[in-house]
Amino acid sequence: MTNAEFALAARKDILSGLHNSLQSHIGSCLSCIDILSVLYNSVLRLEPHNPQAPNRDRLLLSKGHAIFALLVCLAYRGFIDRSDLDAYCSDGSRYTGHPIRDNVPGVEITSGSLGHGLPMASGMAVACRIKGDLGKVFCLMGDGECNEGAVWEAAMFAAKHRLNNLIAIVDRNRLQSYGRDEQVLDMGDLAAKFATFGWKTLNIDGHNYDEIEEAMRVTSEKPIAVIAHTIKGKGISFMEDKQEWHFLSPKEEHYKAGMKELNNA
């Protein structure tokens, strides 16, 4: 399966799953699914039947509200059954609306309260170095999340310790729950900021599969920050760059119209 095929199939499952469960954050899931698809289809060294394998790569979903995108990728890689997606957010289900470590195989951290992923990723990267674990640590964050001070404390820590086994990916869709980034708290040039903190930085098109894969394979003596420029709701035209799809769940008419677009993609 190519990265494009993986991502298209994942988009369809995201639309179906969030429609059936009446849950939200579809805009956030569609924003980052191309990044996650490339990681899980082509980049990450994983053992689905041994999720805690030493020397594995670790993907930390710091923007935990996009959990359903991660669950779809875990299903495609064989960590969970695809049929399990039908239990998302149902009563008593282990498939909850934010990641919970040890609840689902392949979920590395409990997240949801923003700003905690990069500090945890930095700690994991240090631990891997101490133990001689060869795995890389990838941390996927939102750009609104970069408002949090803990992100920049971790950025200083990672640069000081030259954590070259750490890659931070910022889903730069420029929309957060209360408006556009520049309206809420203008973060400016995130690549320049991370560079100032001592990181190697890359700007990429977060929907271009070749650019994503190339960036994920870059090596450096420093930690790497990949600023992935994306569109919230990417792939379904009436959801693209619309703040309301941070909150809304797809109703029947949205499901039918969205699936028609994806089937014709």
Protein backbone atom coordinates (compact mmCIF):
# COMPACT_ATOMS: atom_id res chain seq x y z
CA MET A 1 0.00 0.00 0.00
CA THR A 2 1.40 3.40 -0.91
CA ASN A 3 1.37 6.26 1.56
CA ALA A 4 -1.35 7.95 -0.50
CA GLU A 5 -3.52 4.80 -0.47
CA PHE A 6 -2.98 4.38 3.27
CA ALA A 7 -3.96 8.00 3.95
CA LEU A 8 -7.07 7.87 1.75
CA ALA A 9 -8.29 4.68 3.41
CA ALA A 10 -7.58 6.24 6.81
CA ARG A 11 -9.57 9.37 5.91
CA LYS A 12 -12.57 7.24 5.04
CA ASP A 13 -12.33 5.38 8.34
CA ILE A 14 -12.00 8.65 10.25
CA LEU A 15 -15.12 10.05 8.60
CA SER A 16 -17.08 6.83 9.19
CA GLY A 17 -15.88 6.36 12.76
CA LEU A 18 -16.55 9.90 13.93
CA HIS A 19 -19.93 9.90 12.20
CA ASN A 20 -20.95 6.60 13.80
CA SER A 21 -19.69 7.57 17.26
CA LEU A 22 -21.03 11.14 17.09
CA GLN A 23 -17.64 12.38 18.26
CA SER A 24 -15.70 15.50 17.31
CA HIS A 25 -12.17 16.64 16.31
CA ILE A 26 -12.48 15.44 12.73
CA GLY A 27 -10.76 18.60 11.51
CA SER A 28 -7.76 17.84 13.72
CA CYS A 29 -7.65 14.20 12.61
CA LEU A 30 -7.76 15.07 8.91
CA SER A 31 -5.09 17.74 9.44
CA CYS A 32 -2.49 15.26 10.66
CA ILE A 33 -3.50 11.97 9.03
CA ASP A 34 -1.05 12.34 6.15
CA ILE A 35 1.80 12.71 8.66
CA LEU A 36 0.63 9.72 10.69
CA SER A 37 0.06 7.65 7.55
CA VAL A 38 3.62 8.13 6.33
CA LEU A 39 5.00 7.37 9.79
CA TYR A 40 3.00 4.18 10.28
CA ASN A 41 3.16 2.99 6.69
CA SER A 42 6.77 3.74 5.82
CA VAL A 43 8.93 5.07 8.64
CA LEU A 44 8.39 3.76 12.16
CA ARG A 45 10.19 0.58 13.24
CA LEU A 46 7.49 -1.29 15.16
CA GLU A 47 6.52 -4.79 16.22
CA PRO A 48 2.70 -4.87 16.45
CA HIS A 49 2.73 -8.20 18.30
CA ASN A 50 5.34 -6.88 20.75
CA PRO A 51 4.32 -3.24 21.32
CA GLN A 52 6.98 -2.64 24.01
CA ALA A 53 9.83 -4.10 21.98
CA PRO A 54 13.25 -2.59 22.75
CA ASN A 55 14.79 -0.51 19.97
CA ARG A 56 11.33 0.34 18.61
CA ASP A 57 10.51 3.81 17.39
CA ARG A 58 7.99 5.65 19.57
CA LEU A 59 5.24 7.95 18.33
CA LEU A 60 3.87 10.22 21.05
CA LEU A 61 0.57 11.91 20.15
CA SER A 62 0.75 15.09 22.18
CA LYS A 63 -2.32 16.56 20.42
CA GLY A 64 -4.38 13.85 22.05
CA HIS A 65 -7.73 15.08 20.71
CA ALA A 66 -6.69 13.58 17.33
CA ILE A 67 -6.71 10.10 18.89
CA PHE A 68 -9.04 8.56 16.32
CA ALA A 69 -6.49 9.22 13.56
CA LEU A 70 -3.92 7.36 15.63
CA LEU A 71 -6.30 4.47 16.34
CA VAL A 72 -6.96 4.05 12.61
CA CYS A 73 -3.22 3.86 11.94
CA LEU A 74 -2.74 1.34 14.76
CA ALA A 75 -5.51 -0.78 13.26
CA TYR A 76 -3.91 -0.69 9.81
CA ARG A 77 -0.55 -1.74 11.29
CA GLY A 78 -2.11 -4.66 13.19
CA PHE A 79 -1.89 -3.42 16.78
CA ILE A 80 -5.68 -3.66 17.11
CA ASP A 81 -8.49 -5.14 15.03
CA ARG A 82 -10.11 -2.75 12.60
CA SER A 83 -13.50 -3.83 13.91
CA ASP A 84 -12.49 -2.42 17.31
CA LEU A 85 -12.85 1.08 15.87
CA ASP A 86 -16.62 0.58 16.08
CA ALA A 87 -16.31 0.71 19.89
CA TYR A 88 -14.80 4.20 19.89
CA CYS A 89 -16.18 6.23 22.82
CA SER A 90 -18.93 3.71 23.53
CA ASP A 91 -19.87 2.93 27.14
CA GLY A 92 -17.18 0.86 28.84
CA SER A 93 -14.88 0.90 25.82
CA ARG A 94 -11.11 1.11 26.18
CA TYR A 95 -11.13 3.27 23.04
CA THR A 96 -11.54 6.63 24.71
CA GLY A 97 -11.56 10.17 23.33
CA HIS A 98 -7.94 10.81 24.32
CA PRO A 99 -4.97 8.42 24.48
CA ILE A 100 -4.45 6.39 27.64
CA ARG A 101 -1.18 4.49 27.94
CA ASP A 102 -1.60 0.73 28.48
CA ASN A 103 -5.26 0.95 27.42
CA VAL A 104 -4.50 0.27 23.76
CA PRO A 105 -1.40 -1.48 22.34
CA GLY A 106 0.86 1.00 20.56
CA VAL A 107 -0.29 4.05 22.53
CA GLU A 108 2.89 5.32 24.17
CA ILE A 109 1.57 8.10 26.45
CA THR A 110 -1.57 9.38 28.09
CA SER A 111 -2.23 12.81 26.60
CA GLY A 112 -4.88 15.43 26.12
CA SER A 113 -3.76 18.25 28.36
CA LEU A 114 -1.64 20.08 25.82
CA GLY A 115 2.05 20.84 26.19
CA HIS A 116 3.04 17.61 27.92
CA GLY A 117 4.09 15.51 24.93
CA LEU A 118 7.42 17.14 24.17
CA PRO A 119 8.61 17.04 27.81
CA MET A 120 7.75 13.32 27.94
CA ALA A 121 9.37 12.73 24.56
CA SER A 122 12.54 14.45 25.75
CA GLY A 123 12.64 12.25 28.83
CA MET A 124 12.12 9.12 26.73
CA ALA A 125 14.90 10.19 24.36
CA VAL A 126 17.29 10.58 27.30
CA ALA A 127 16.23 7.20 28.71
CA CYS A 128 16.78 5.52 25.34
CA ARG A 129 20.27 6.99 25.17
CA ILE A 130 21.13 5.79 28.69
CA LYS A 131 19.82 2.27 27.98
CA GLY A 132 21.44 2.04 24.57
CA ASP A 133 18.00 1.74 22.95
CA LEU A 134 18.36 2.57 19.26
CA GLY A 135 14.77 3.69 18.72
CA LYS A 136 13.84 7.23 17.77
CA VAL A 137 11.19 9.26 19.57
CA PHE A 138 8.68 11.16 17.41
CA CYS A 139 6.35 13.68 19.04
CA LEU A 140 3.36 15.03 17.10
CA MET A 141 2.09 18.35 18.45
CA GLY A 142 -0.41 20.98 17.41
CA ASP A 143 0.67 24.53 16.67
CA GLY A 144 -1.79 25.96 19.20
CA GLU A 145 -0.14 23.67 21.72
CA CYS A 146 3.07 25.63 21.22
CA ASN A 147 1.44 28.41 23.27
CA GLU A 148 2.32 26.28 26.30
CA GLY A 149 5.49 27.17 28.18
CA ALA A 150 6.32 23.53 28.89
CA VAL A 151 6.99 23.07 25.16
CA TRP A 152 9.81 25.61 25.27
CA GLU A 153 11.25 24.32 28.53
CA ALA A 154 11.48 20.90 26.87
CA ALA A 155 12.96 22.49 23.74
CA MET A 156 15.78 23.99 25.85
CA PHE A 157 16.35 20.69 27.65
CA ALA A 158 16.47 18.67 24.43
CA ALA A 159 18.90 21.09 22.80
CA LYS A 160 21.20 21.15 25.84
CA HIS A 161 21.40 17.35 25.84
CA ARG A 162 21.68 17.21 22.03
CA LEU A 163 18.92 14.63 21.76
CA ASN A 164 19.50 13.62 18.17
CA ASN A 165 17.09 10.70 18.60
CA LEU A 166 14.17 13.13 19.04
CA ILE A 167 11.97 14.51 16.25
CA ALA A 168 9.20 16.97 17.07
CA ILE A 169 6.52 17.42 14.41
CA VAL A 170 4.27 20.46 14.59
CA ASP A 171 0.92 20.16 12.80
CA ARG A 172 0.88 23.78 11.59
CA ASN A 173 -2.76 24.24 10.52
CA ARG A 174 -2.98 27.72 12.15
CA LEU A 175 -6.36 27.00 13.77
CA GLN A 176 -7.06 26.16 17.39
CA SER A 177 -10.22 25.84 19.41
CA TYR A 178 -10.76 29.58 19.95
CA GLY A 179 -9.60 30.99 16.65
CA ARG A 180 -6.60 31.44 14.39
CA ASP A 181 -3.21 31.24 16.01
CA GLU A 182 -2.33 34.80 15.20
CA GLN A 183 -5.56 35.97 16.86
CA VAL A 184 -5.20 33.87 20.01
CA LEU A 185 -1.43 34.10 20.52
CA ASP A 186 0.71 34.74 17.47
CA MET A 187 3.58 32.24 17.45
CA GLY A 188 5.20 33.70 14.36
CA ASP A 189 7.87 31.64 12.62
CA LEU A 190 7.97 28.38 14.57
CA ALA A 191 10.95 27.02 12.63
CA ALA A 192 12.95 30.12 13.51
CA LYS A 193 11.94 29.78 17.16
CA PHE A 194 13.03 26.15 17.41
CA ALA A 195 16.29 27.04 15.61
CA THR A 196 16.93 29.78 18.16
CA PHE A 197 16.46 27.19 20.91
CA GLY A 198 19.19 25.06 19.30
CA TRP A 199 17.24 22.63 17.10
CA LYS A 200 17.68 21.65 13.48
CA THR A 201 14.46 22.79 11.78
CA LEU A 202 12.61 21.94 8.58
CA ASN A 203 9.54 23.46 6.94
CA ILE A 204 7.51 21.01 4.85
CA ASP A 205 4.14 20.60 3.17
CA GLY A 206 2.37 18.38 5.70
CA HIS A 207 0.21 16.84 2.96
CA ASN A 208 3.05 15.96 0.59
CA TYR A 209 3.96 12.33 1.23
CA ASP A 210 7.45 12.55 -0.24
CA GLU A 211 8.32 15.65 1.77
CA ILE A 212 6.98 14.08 4.96
CA GLU A 213 8.93 10.85 4.51
CA GLU A 214 12.13 12.67 3.59
CA ALA A 215 11.85 14.87 6.69
CA MET A 216 11.22 11.89 8.98
CA ARG A 217 14.46 10.29 7.76
CA VAL A 218 16.70 13.34 8.24
CA THR A 219 19.55 12.89 10.71
CA SER A 220 21.34 15.52 12.75
CA GLU A 221 23.54 15.98 15.78
CA LYS A 222 20.70 18.07 17.25
CA PRO A 223 17.03 17.37 17.96
CA ILE A 224 14.92 18.00 14.87
CA ALA A 225 11.76 20.10 14.61
CA VAL A 226 9.62 19.54 11.52
CA ILE A 227 7.07 22.30 10.95
CA ALA A 228 4.45 20.59 8.80
CA HIS A 229 2.20 23.16 7.13
CA THR A 230 -1.26 21.62 6.94
CA ILE A 231 -4.94 22.43 6.45
CA LYS A 232 -7.45 21.60 9.15
CA GLY A 233 -10.05 19.22 7.70
CA LYS A 234 -7.85 18.41 4.69
CA GLY A 235 -9.50 16.13 2.13
CA ILE A 236 -13.13 17.11 2.61
CA SER A 237 -13.69 20.48 0.98
CA PHE A 238 -16.43 21.84 3.23
CA MET A 239 -14.38 21.05 6.34
CA GLU A 240 -11.10 22.52 5.13
CA ASP A 241 -9.75 25.46 7.16
CA LYS A 242 -13.00 25.70 9.14
CA GLN A 243 -12.71 26.20 12.88
CA GLU A 244 -16.12 24.67 13.62
CA TRP A 245 -14.87 21.20 12.60
CA HIS A 246 -12.72 21.23 15.70
CA PHE A 247 -15.99 20.71 17.60
CA LEU A 248 -18.65 19.31 15.27
CA SER A 249 -19.33 15.64 14.61
CA PRO A 250 -20.32 14.64 11.06
CA LYS A 251 -24.06 14.16 10.64
CA GLU A 252 -25.58 11.96 7.95
CA GLU A 253 -25.49 14.66 5.27
CA HIS A 254 -21.85 15.46 6.10
CA TYR A 255 -20.97 11.77 6.00
CA LYS A 256 -22.56 11.25 2.58
CA ALA A 257 -21.06 14.38 1.03
CA GLY A 258 -17.62 13.74 2.53
CA MET A 259 -17.52 10.10 1.50
CA LYS A 260 -18.54 11.05 -2.04
CA GLU A 261 -15.56 13.39 -2.24
CA LEU A 262 -13.17 10.81 -0.83
CA ASN A 263 -14.43 8.10 -3.17
CA ASN A 264 -13.77 10.42 -6.10
CA ALA A 265 -10.33 11.48 -4.87
